[in-house]
Amino acid sequence: MTPYEILKKPVITEKSTIQKEANNQLTFEVDRRANKVEIRRAVERIFSVRVMDVRTIQMKGKAKRFGRTLGSRRNWKKAIVTLAKGEHVEFFEGV
């Protein structure tokens, strides 16, 4: 897999914004088959930064109702990447 197939999109929430400012951590939605080493290499290659730690979480899709039928959203994998001290990534700065 290429780095762009591993990292699908950044997760932009209030909590992830606070983590980015306070702890220098980025949150991404990643491919469910990717492991921590692949995620680390993808972030380092795409953003040209040093990664200190990667934590992954399997997120269960929420049960939702679609009209009369019950269904669920898809399951997905989240990665919280801690950057080295002095490193930063600028996407959505000042928004």
PDB file of N, CA and C in Angstrom:
ATOM      1  N   MET A   1       0.832  -1.187   0.000  1.00  0.00           N
ATOM      2  CA  MET A   1       0.000   0.000   0.000  1.00  0.00           C
ATOM      3  C   MET A   1       0.876   1.250   0.000  1.00  0.00           C
ATOM      4  N   THR A   2       0.417   2.266  -0.684  1.00  0.00           N
ATOM      5  CA  THR A   2       1.133   3.535  -0.691  1.00  0.00           C
ATOM      6  C   THR A   2       0.765   4.325   0.564  1.00  0.00           C
ATOM      7  N   PRO A   3       1.584   5.313   0.931  1.00  0.00           N
ATOM      8  CA  PRO A   3       1.252   6.115   2.119  1.00  0.00           C
ATOM      9  C   PRO A   3      -0.101   6.805   2.025  1.00  0.00           C
ATOM     10  N   TYR A   4      -0.513   7.178   0.815  1.00  0.00           N
ATOM     11  CA  TYR A   4      -1.793   7.854   0.648  1.00  0.00           C
ATOM     12  C   TYR A   4      -2.971   6.886   0.751  1.00  0.00           C
ATOM     13  N   GLU A   5      -2.736   5.591   0.568  1.00  0.00           N
ATOM     14  CA  GLU A   5      -3.783   4.596   0.784  1.00  0.00           C
ATOM     15  C   GLU A   5      -3.908   4.255   2.260  1.00  0.00           C
ATOM     16  N   ILE A   6      -2.815   4.380   3.018  1.00  0.00           N
ATOM     17  CA  ILE A   6      -2.828   4.075   4.446  1.00  0.00           C
ATOM     18  C   ILE A   6      -3.538   5.181   5.219  1.00  0.00           C
ATOM     19  N   LEU A   7      -3.151   6.443   4.995  1.00  0.00           N
ATOM     20  CA  LEU A   7      -3.797   7.577   5.657  1.00  0.00           C
ATOM     21  C   LEU A   7      -4.968   8.035   4.806  1.00  0.00           C
ATOM     22  N   LYS A   8      -6.174   7.825   5.296  1.00  0.00           N
ATOM     23  CA  LYS A   8      -7.343   8.199   4.511  1.00  0.00           C
ATOM     24  C   LYS A   8      -7.691   9.668   4.674  1.00  0.00           C
ATOM     25  N   LYS A   9      -7.838  10.136   5.933  1.00  0.00           N
ATOM     26  CA  LYS A   9      -8.159  11.544   6.166  1.00  0.00           C
ATOM     27  C   LYS A   9      -7.874  11.886   7.618  1.00  0.00           C
ATOM     28  N   PRO A  10      -7.623  13.163   7.898  1.00  0.00           N
ATOM     29  CA  PRO A  10      -7.451  13.562   9.296  1.00  0.00           C
ATOM     30  C   PRO A  10      -8.799  13.620   9.996  1.00  0.00           C
ATOM     31  N   VAL A  11      -8.796  13.334  11.274  1.00  0.00           N
ATOM     32  CA  VAL A  11     -10.016  13.433  12.080  1.00  0.00           C
ATOM     33  C   VAL A  11      -9.976  14.799  12.753  1.00  0.00           C
ATOM     34  N   ILE A  12     -10.903  15.678  12.366  1.00  0.00           N
ATOM     35  CA  ILE A  12     -10.935  17.040  12.894  1.00  0.00           C
ATOM     36  C   ILE A  12     -12.119  17.156  13.838  1.00  0.00           C
ATOM     37  N   THR A  13     -11.838  17.044  15.125  1.00  0.00           N
ATOM     38  CA  THR A  13     -12.855  17.215  16.157  1.00  0.00           C
ATOM     39  C   THR A  13     -12.300  18.170  17.208  1.00  0.00           C
ATOM     40  N   GLU A  14     -13.135  18.536  18.144  1.00  0.00           N
ATOM     41  CA  GLU A  14     -12.670  19.412  19.214  1.00  0.00           C
ATOM     42  C   GLU A  14     -11.570  18.739  20.027  1.00  0.00           C
ATOM     43  N   LYS A  15     -11.755  17.458  20.327  1.00  0.00           N
ATOM     44  CA  LYS A  15     -10.768  16.726  21.104  1.00  0.00           C
ATOM     45  C   LYS A  15      -9.445  16.604  20.353  1.00  0.00           C
ATOM     46  N   SER A  16      -9.490  16.287  19.060  1.00  0.00           N
ATOM     47  CA  SER A  16      -8.248  16.133  18.307  1.00  0.00           C
ATOM     48  C   SER A  16      -7.517  17.465  18.154  1.00  0.00           C
ATOM     49  N   THR A  17      -8.255  18.576  18.084  1.00  0.00           N
ATOM     50  CA  THR A  17      -7.632  19.888  18.014  1.00  0.00           C
ATOM     51  C   THR A  17      -6.912  20.219  19.311  1.00  0.00           C
ATOM     52  N   ILE A  18      -7.517  19.880  20.439  1.00  0.00           N
ATOM     53  CA  ILE A  18      -6.881  20.103  21.743  1.00  0.00           C
ATOM     54  C   ILE A  18      -5.635  19.234  21.874  1.00  0.00           C
ATOM     55  N   GLN A  19      -5.713  17.971  21.439  1.00  0.00           N
ATOM     56  CA  GLN A  19      -4.549  17.080  21.491  1.00  0.00           C
ATOM     57  C   GLN A  19      -3.415  17.608  20.617  1.00  0.00           C
ATOM     58  N   LYS A  20      -3.759  18.180  19.473  1.00  0.00           N
ATOM     59  CA  LYS A  20      -2.734  18.711  18.582  1.00  0.00           C
ATOM     60  C   LYS A  20      -2.003  19.876  19.235  1.00  0.00           C
ATOM     61  N   GLU A  21      -2.743  20.773  19.879  1.00  0.00           N
ATOM     62  CA  GLU A  21      -2.132  21.947  20.490  1.00  0.00           C
ATOM     63  C   GLU A  21      -1.379  21.602  21.777  1.00  0.00           C
ATOM     64  N   ALA A  22      -1.958  20.743  22.615  1.00  0.00           N
ATOM     65  CA  ALA A  22      -1.379  20.468  23.930  1.00  0.00           C
ATOM     66  C   ALA A  22      -0.283  19.401  23.889  1.00  0.00           C
ATOM     67  N   ASN A  23      -0.506  18.316  23.140  1.00  0.00           N
ATOM     68  CA  ASN A  23       0.390  17.158  23.194  1.00  0.00           C
ATOM     69  C   ASN A  23       1.144  16.886  21.897  1.00  0.00           C
ATOM     70  N   ASN A  24       0.960  17.732  20.882  1.00  0.00           N
ATOM     71  CA  ASN A  24       1.619  17.550  19.590  1.00  0.00           C
ATOM     72  C   ASN A  24       1.230  16.204  18.970  1.00  0.00           C
ATOM     73  N   GLN A  25      -0.077  15.882  19.019  1.00  0.00           N
ATOM     74  CA  GLN A  25      -0.586  14.625  18.481  1.00  0.00           C
ATOM     75  C   GLN A  25      -1.537  14.906  17.329  1.00  0.00           C
ATOM     76  N   LEU A  26      -1.463  14.071  16.290  1.00  0.00           N
ATOM     77  CA  LEU A  26      -2.357  14.152  15.151  1.00  0.00           C
ATOM     78  C   LEU A  26      -3.237  12.909  15.126  1.00  0.00           C
ATOM     79  N   THR A  27      -4.456  13.059  14.663  1.00  0.00           N
ATOM     80  CA  THR A  27      -5.393  11.944  14.603  1.00  0.00           C
ATOM     81  C   THR A  27      -5.811  11.729  13.149  1.00  0.00           C
ATOM     82  N   PHE A  28      -5.745  10.477  12.698  1.00  0.00           N
ATOM     83  CA  PHE A  28      -6.085  10.132  11.319  1.00  0.00           C
ATOM     84  C   PHE A  28      -7.024   8.940  11.283  1.00  0.00           C
ATOM     85  N   GLU A  29      -7.868   8.910  10.253  1.00  0.00           N
ATOM     86  CA  GLU A  29      -8.570   7.682   9.901  1.00  0.00           C
ATOM     87  C   GLU A  29      -7.633   6.937   8.956  1.00  0.00           C
ATOM     88  N   VAL A  30      -7.351   5.676   9.267  1.00  0.00           N
ATOM     89  CA  VAL A  30      -6.388   4.903   8.490  1.00  0.00           C
ATOM     90  C   VAL A  30      -7.045   3.634   7.954  1.00  0.00           C
ATOM     91  N   ASP A  31      -6.349   2.985   7.027  1.00  0.00           N
ATOM     92  CA  ASP A  31      -6.823   1.716   6.478  1.00  0.00           C
ATOM     93  C   ASP A  31      -6.862   0.667   7.587  1.00  0.00           C
ATOM     94  N   ARG A  32      -7.896  -0.147   7.606  1.00  0.00           N
ATOM     95  CA  ARG A  32      -8.076  -1.116   8.689  1.00  0.00           C
ATOM     96  C   ARG A  32      -7.000  -2.197   8.690  1.00  0.00           C
ATOM     97  N   ARG A  33      -6.335  -2.435   7.550  1.00  0.00           N
ATOM     98  CA  ARG A  33      -5.299  -3.467   7.479  1.00  0.00           C
ATOM     99  C   ARG A  33      -3.919  -2.949   7.849  1.00  0.00           C
ATOM    100  N   ALA A  34      -3.759  -1.626   8.006  1.00  0.00           N
ATOM    101  CA  ALA A  34      -2.451  -1.035   8.276  1.00  0.00           C
ATOM    102  C   ALA A  34      -2.043  -1.263   9.729  1.00  0.00           C
ATOM    103  N   ASN A  35      -0.746  -1.525   9.934  1.00  0.00           N
ATOM    104  CA  ASN A  35      -0.244  -1.673  11.301  1.00  0.00           C
ATOM    105  C   ASN A  35       0.496  -0.406  11.714  1.00  0.00           C
ATOM    106  N   LYS A  36       0.998  -0.374  12.955  1.00  0.00           N
ATOM    107  CA  LYS A  36       1.614   0.831  13.502  1.00  0.00           C
ATOM    108  C   LYS A  36       2.870   1.245  12.733  1.00  0.00           C
ATOM    109  N   VAL A  37       3.651   0.273  12.294  1.00  0.00           N
ATOM    110  CA  VAL A  37       4.888   0.584  11.567  1.00  0.00           C
ATOM    111  C   VAL A  37       4.560   1.232  10.227  1.00  0.00           C
ATOM    112  N   GLU A  38       3.580   0.709   9.522  1.00  0.00           N
ATOM    113  CA  GLU A  38       3.175   1.289   8.240  1.00  0.00           C
ATOM    114  C   GLU A  38       2.607   2.691   8.416  1.00  0.00           C
ATOM    115  N   ILE A  39       1.835   2.898   9.469  1.00  0.00           N
ATOM    116  CA  ILE A  39       1.261   4.221   9.736  1.00  0.00           C
ATOM    117  C   ILE A  39       2.383   5.218  10.031  1.00  0.00           C
ATOM    118  N   ARG A  40       3.355   4.811  10.842  1.00  0.00           N
ATOM    119  CA  ARG A  40       4.499   5.675  11.166  1.00  0.00           C
ATOM    120  C   ARG A  40       5.242   6.088   9.898  1.00  0.00           C
ATOM    121  N   ARG A  41       5.554   5.121   9.035  1.00  0.00           N
ATOM    122  CA  ARG A  41       6.288   5.422   7.800  1.00  0.00           C
ATOM    123  C   ARG A  41       5.485   6.337   6.882  1.00  0.00           C
ATOM    124  N   ALA A  42       4.162   6.127   6.818  1.00  0.00           N
ATOM    125  CA  ALA A  42       3.322   6.951   5.953  1.00  0.00           C
ATOM    126  C   ALA A  42       3.304   8.402   6.426  1.00  0.00           C
ATOM    127  N   VAL A  43       3.157   8.626   7.735  1.00  0.00           N
ATOM    128  CA  VAL A  43       3.134   9.994   8.266  1.00  0.00           C
ATOM    129  C   VAL A  43       4.489  10.653   8.055  1.00  0.00           C
ATOM    130  N   GLU A  44       5.572   9.926   8.315  1.00  0.00           N
ATOM    131  CA  GLU A  44       6.910  10.497   8.135  1.00  0.00           C
ATOM    132  C   GLU A  44       7.178  10.844   6.680  1.00  0.00           C
ATOM    133  N   ARG A  45       6.722  10.020   5.755  1.00  0.00           N
ATOM    134  CA  ARG A  45       6.973  10.273   4.343  1.00  0.00           C
ATOM    135  C   ARG A  45       6.100  11.415   3.803  1.00  0.00           C
ATOM    136  N   ILE A  46       4.822  11.453   4.173  1.00  0.00           N
ATOM    137  CA  ILE A  46       3.922  12.473   3.623  1.00  0.00           C
ATOM    138  C   ILE A  46       4.226  13.854   4.194  1.00  0.00           C
ATOM    139  N   PHE A  47       4.421  13.951   5.514  1.00  0.00           N
ATOM    140  CA  PHE A  47       4.562  15.252   6.158  1.00  0.00           C
ATOM    141  C   PHE A  47       6.001  15.629   6.487  1.00  0.00           C
ATOM    142  N   SER A  48       6.967  14.755   6.248  1.00  0.00           N
ATOM    143  CA  SER A  48       8.396  15.006   6.525  1.00  0.00           C
ATOM    144  C   SER A  48       8.624  15.421   7.978  1.00  0.00           C
ATOM    145  N   VAL A  49       8.118  14.613   8.909  1.00  0.00           N
ATOM    146  CA  VAL A  49       8.284  14.855  10.346  1.00  0.00           C
ATOM    147  C   VAL A  49       8.778  13.568  11.002  1.00  0.00           C
ATOM    148  N   ARG A  50       9.285  13.689  12.252  1.00  0.00           N
ATOM    149  CA  ARG A  50       9.681  12.511  13.024  1.00  0.00           C
ATOM    150  C   ARG A  50       8.527  12.122  13.932  1.00  0.00           C
ATOM    151  N   VAL A  51       8.200  10.836  13.957  1.00  0.00           N
ATOM    152  CA  VAL A  51       7.101  10.311  14.769  1.00  0.00           C
ATOM    153  C   VAL A  51       7.683   9.599  15.978  1.00  0.00           C
ATOM    154  N   MET A  52       7.177   9.916  17.161  1.00  0.00           N
ATOM    155  CA  MET A  52       7.638   9.282  18.390  1.00  0.00           C
ATOM    156  C   MET A  52       6.796   8.056  18.750  1.00  0.00           C
ATOM    157  N   ASP A  53       5.459   8.133  18.563  1.00  0.00           N
ATOM    158  CA  ASP A  53       4.588   7.055  19.019  1.00  0.00           C
ATOM    159  C   ASP A  53       3.343   7.000  18.141  1.00  0.00           C
ATOM    160  N   VAL A  54       2.795   5.792  17.980  1.00  0.00           N
ATOM    161  CA  VAL A  54       1.549   5.589  17.248  1.00  0.00           C
ATOM    162  C   VAL A  54       0.644   4.719  18.089  1.00  0.00           C
ATOM    163  N   ARG A  55      -0.581   5.183  18.324  1.00  0.00           N
ATOM    164  CA  ARG A  55      -1.593   4.387  19.011  1.00  0.00           C
ATOM    165  C   ARG A  55      -2.766   4.184  18.059  1.00  0.00           C
ATOM    166  N   THR A  56      -3.292   2.957  18.005  1.00  0.00           N
ATOM    167  CA  THR A  56      -4.397   2.663  17.104  1.00  0.00           C
ATOM    168  C   THR A  56      -5.611   2.189  17.882  1.00  0.00           C
ATOM    169  N   ILE A  57      -6.784   2.479  17.327  1.00  0.00           N
ATOM    170  CA  ILE A  57      -8.051   2.119  17.958  1.00  0.00           C
ATOM    171  C   ILE A  57      -8.987   1.622  16.859  1.00  0.00           C
ATOM    172  N   GLN A  58      -9.634   0.485  17.095  1.00  0.00           N
ATOM    173  CA  GLN A  58     -10.669  -0.001  16.189  1.00  0.00           C
ATOM    174  C   GLN A  58     -11.996   0.628  16.617  1.00  0.00           C
ATOM    175  N   MET A  59     -12.564   1.477  15.766  1.00  0.00           N
ATOM    176  CA  MET A  59     -13.804   2.173  16.091  1.00  0.00           C
ATOM    177  C   MET A  59     -14.982   1.380  15.522  1.00  0.00           C
ATOM    178  N   LYS A  60     -15.918   1.043  16.383  1.00  0.00           N
ATOM    179  CA  LYS A  60     -17.088   0.281  15.969  1.00  0.00           C
ATOM    180  C   LYS A  60     -18.113   1.229  15.372  1.00  0.00           C
ATOM    181  N   GLY A  61     -18.706   0.849  14.243  1.00  0.00           N
ATOM    182  CA  GLY A  61     -19.718   1.675  13.593  1.00  0.00           C
ATOM    183  C   GLY A  61     -20.977   1.777  14.441  1.00  0.00           C
ATOM    184  N   LYS A  62     -21.555   2.958  14.482  1.00  0.00           N
ATOM    185  CA  LYS A  62     -22.751   3.192  15.294  1.00  0.00           C
ATOM    186  C   LYS A  62     -23.970   2.549  14.645  1.00  0.00           C
ATOM    187  N   ALA A  63     -24.870   2.054  15.470  1.00  0.00           N
ATOM    188  CA  ALA A  63     -26.134   1.522  14.973  1.00  0.00           C
ATOM    189  C   ALA A  63     -27.028   2.701  14.600  1.00  0.00           C
ATOM    190  N   LYS A  64     -27.565   2.678  13.399  1.00  0.00           N
ATOM    191  CA  LYS A  64     -28.408   3.774  12.915  1.00  0.00           C
ATOM    192  C   LYS A  64     -29.668   3.205  12.292  1.00  0.00           C
ATOM    193  N   ARG A  65     -30.658   4.035  12.216  1.00  0.00           N
ATOM    194  CA  ARG A  65     -31.930   3.636  11.638  1.00  0.00           C
ATOM    195  C   ARG A  65     -32.082   4.330  10.290  1.00  0.00           C
ATOM    196  N   PHE A  66     -32.379   3.574   9.257  1.00  0.00           N
ATOM    197  CA  PHE A  66     -32.591   4.100   7.920  1.00  0.00           C
ATOM    198  C   PHE A  66     -34.037   3.822   7.529  1.00  0.00           C
ATOM    199  N   GLY A  67     -34.910   4.777   7.847  1.00  0.00           N
ATOM    200  CA  GLY A  67     -36.336   4.560   7.613  1.00  0.00           C
ATOM    201  C   GLY A  67     -36.857   3.498   8.556  1.00  0.00           C
ATOM    202  N   ARG A  68     -37.442   2.436   8.003  1.00  0.00           N
ATOM    203  CA  ARG A  68     -37.956   1.353   8.835  1.00  0.00           C
ATOM    204  C   ARG A  68     -36.895   0.315   9.180  1.00  0.00           C
ATOM    205  N   THR A  69     -35.819   0.298   8.436  1.00  0.00           N
ATOM    206  CA  THR A  69     -34.815  -0.742   8.634  1.00  0.00           C
ATOM    207  C   THR A  69     -33.710  -0.266   9.563  1.00  0.00           C
ATOM    208  N   LEU A  70     -33.161  -1.203  10.308  1.00  0.00           N
ATOM    209  CA  LEU A  70     -32.022  -0.917  11.163  1.00  0.00           C
ATOM    210  C   LEU A  70     -30.747  -1.249  10.406  1.00  0.00           C
ATOM    211  N   GLY A  71     -29.754  -0.432  10.575  1.00  0.00           N
ATOM    212  CA  GLY A  71     -28.480  -0.664   9.920  1.00  0.00           C
ATOM    213  C   GLY A  71     -27.370  -0.143  10.807  1.00  0.00           C
ATOM    214  N   SER A  72     -26.175  -0.135  10.287  1.00  0.00           N
ATOM    215  CA  SER A  72     -25.062   0.409  11.053  1.00  0.00           C
ATOM    216  C   SER A  72     -24.078   1.070  10.109  1.00  0.00           C
ATOM    217  N   ARG A  73     -23.364   2.039  10.652  1.00  0.00           N
ATOM    218  CA  ARG A  73     -22.294   2.667   9.903  1.00  0.00           C
ATOM    219  C   ARG A  73     -21.108   1.707   9.862  1.00  0.00           C
ATOM    220  N   ARG A  74     -20.174   1.978   8.996  1.00  0.00           N
ATOM    221  CA  ARG A  74     -19.046   1.063   8.829  1.00  0.00           C
ATOM    222  C   ARG A  74     -18.077   1.168  10.000  1.00  0.00           C
ATOM    223  N   ASN A  75     -17.369   0.092  10.271  1.00  0.00           N
ATOM    224  CA  ASN A  75     -16.292   0.105  11.260  1.00  0.00           C
ATOM    225  C   ASN A  75     -15.076   0.762  10.629  1.00  0.00           C
ATOM    226  N   TRP A  76     -14.246   1.424  11.453  1.00  0.00           N
ATOM    227  CA  TRP A  76     -13.062   2.085  10.932  1.00  0.00           C
ATOM    228  C   TRP A  76     -11.956   2.089  11.967  1.00  0.00           C
ATOM    229  N   LYS A  77     -10.758   2.417  11.533  1.00  0.00           N
ATOM    230  CA  LYS A  77      -9.596   2.404  12.409  1.00  0.00           C
ATOM    231  C   LYS A  77      -9.059   3.825  12.557  1.00  0.00           C
ATOM    232  N   LYS A  78      -8.754   4.196  13.800  1.00  0.00           N
ATOM    233  CA  LYS A  78      -8.235   5.524  14.102  1.00  0.00           C
ATOM    234  C   LYS A  78      -6.819   5.391  14.624  1.00  0.00           C
ATOM    235  N   ALA A  79      -5.940   6.292  14.203  1.00  0.00           N
ATOM    236  CA  ALA A  79      -4.559   6.305  14.674  1.00  0.00           C
ATOM    237  C   ALA A  79      -4.257   7.667  15.282  1.00  0.00           C
ATOM    238  N   ILE A  80      -3.689   7.653  16.487  1.00  0.00           N
ATOM    239  CA  ILE A  80      -3.234   8.872  17.144  1.00  0.00           C
ATOM    240  C   ILE A  80      -1.711   8.855  17.097  1.00  0.00           C
ATOM    241  N   VAL A  81      -1.147   9.820  16.384  1.00  0.00           N
ATOM    242  CA  VAL A  81       0.286   9.863  16.118  1.00  0.00           C
ATOM    243  C   VAL A  81       0.902  10.989  16.943  1.00  0.00           C
ATOM    244  N   THR A  82       1.897  10.663  17.764  1.00  0.00           N
ATOM    245  CA  THR A  82       2.613  11.668  18.554  1.00  0.00           C
ATOM    246  C   THR A  82       3.878  12.054  17.806  1.00  0.00           C
ATOM    247  N   LEU A  83       4.033  13.353  17.559  1.00  0.00           N
ATOM    248  CA  LEU A  83       5.203  13.855  16.847  1.00  0.00           C
ATOM    249  C   LEU A  83       6.325  14.173  17.823  1.00  0.00           C
ATOM    250  N   ALA A  84       7.543  14.190  17.317  1.00  0.00           N
ATOM    251  CA  ALA A  84       8.707  14.534  18.137  1.00  0.00           C
ATOM    252  C   ALA A  84       8.642  16.002  18.535  1.00  0.00           C
ATOM    253  N   LYS A  85       9.345  16.325  19.597  1.00  0.00           N
ATOM    254  CA  LYS A  85       9.354  17.695  20.095  1.00  0.00           C
ATOM    255  C   LYS A  85       9.941  18.624  19.028  1.00  0.00           C
ATOM    256  N   GLY A  86       9.277  19.740  18.783  1.00  0.00           N
ATOM    257  CA  GLY A  86       9.728  20.698  17.783  1.00  0.00           C
ATOM    258  C   GLY A  86       9.156  20.459  16.394  1.00  0.00           C
ATOM    259  N   GLU A  87       8.525  19.328  16.160  1.00  0.00           N
ATOM    260  CA  GLU A  87       7.915  19.026  14.861  1.00  0.00           C
ATOM    261  C   GLU A  87       6.459  19.503  14.870  1.00  0.00           C
ATOM    262  N   HIS A  88       5.951  19.928  13.702  1.00  0.00           N
ATOM    263  CA  HIS A  88       4.536  20.270  13.589  1.00  0.00           C
ATOM    264  C   HIS A  88       4.113  20.151  12.144  1.00  0.00           C
ATOM    265  N   VAL A  89       2.807  19.963  11.969  1.00  0.00           N
ATOM    266  CA  VAL A  89       2.209  19.847  10.643  1.00  0.00           C
ATOM    267  C   VAL A  89       1.170  20.944  10.538  1.00  0.00           C
ATOM    268  N   GLU A  90       1.207  21.695   9.432  1.00  0.00           N
ATOM    269  CA  GLU A  90       0.269  22.798   9.268  1.00  0.00           C
ATOM    270  C   GLU A  90      -0.775  22.430   8.224  1.00  0.00           C
ATOM    271  N   PHE A  91      -1.905  21.925   8.687  1.00  0.00           N
ATOM    272  CA  PHE A  91      -3.096  21.830   7.843  1.00  0.00           C
ATOM    273  C   PHE A  91      -4.255  22.290   8.706  1.00  0.00           C
ATOM    274  N   PHE A  92      -5.028  23.212   8.267  1.00  0.00           N
ATOM    275  CA  PHE A  92      -6.124  23.834   9.014  1.00  0.00           C
ATOM    276  C   PHE A  92      -5.609  24.754  10.119  1.00  0.00           C
ATOM    277  N   GLU A  93      -4.523  25.455   9.896  1.00  0.00           N
ATOM    278  CA  GLU A  93      -4.047  26.423  10.877  1.00  0.00           C
ATOM    279  C   GLU A  93      -4.854  27.701  10.711  1.00  0.00           C
ATOM    280  N   GLY A  94      -5.364  28.218  11.810  1.00  0.00           N
ATOM    281  CA  GLY A  94      -6.093  29.487  11.798  1.00  0.00           C
ATOM    282  C   GLY A  94      -7.487  29.404  11.215  1.00  0.00           C
ATOM    283  N   VAL A  95      -8.080  28.224  11.163  1.00  0.00           N
ATOM    284  CA  VAL A  95      -9.437  28.081  10.629  1.00  0.00           C
ATOM    285  C   VAL A  95     -10.431  28.297  11.730  1.00  0.00           C
TER     286      VAL A  95
END
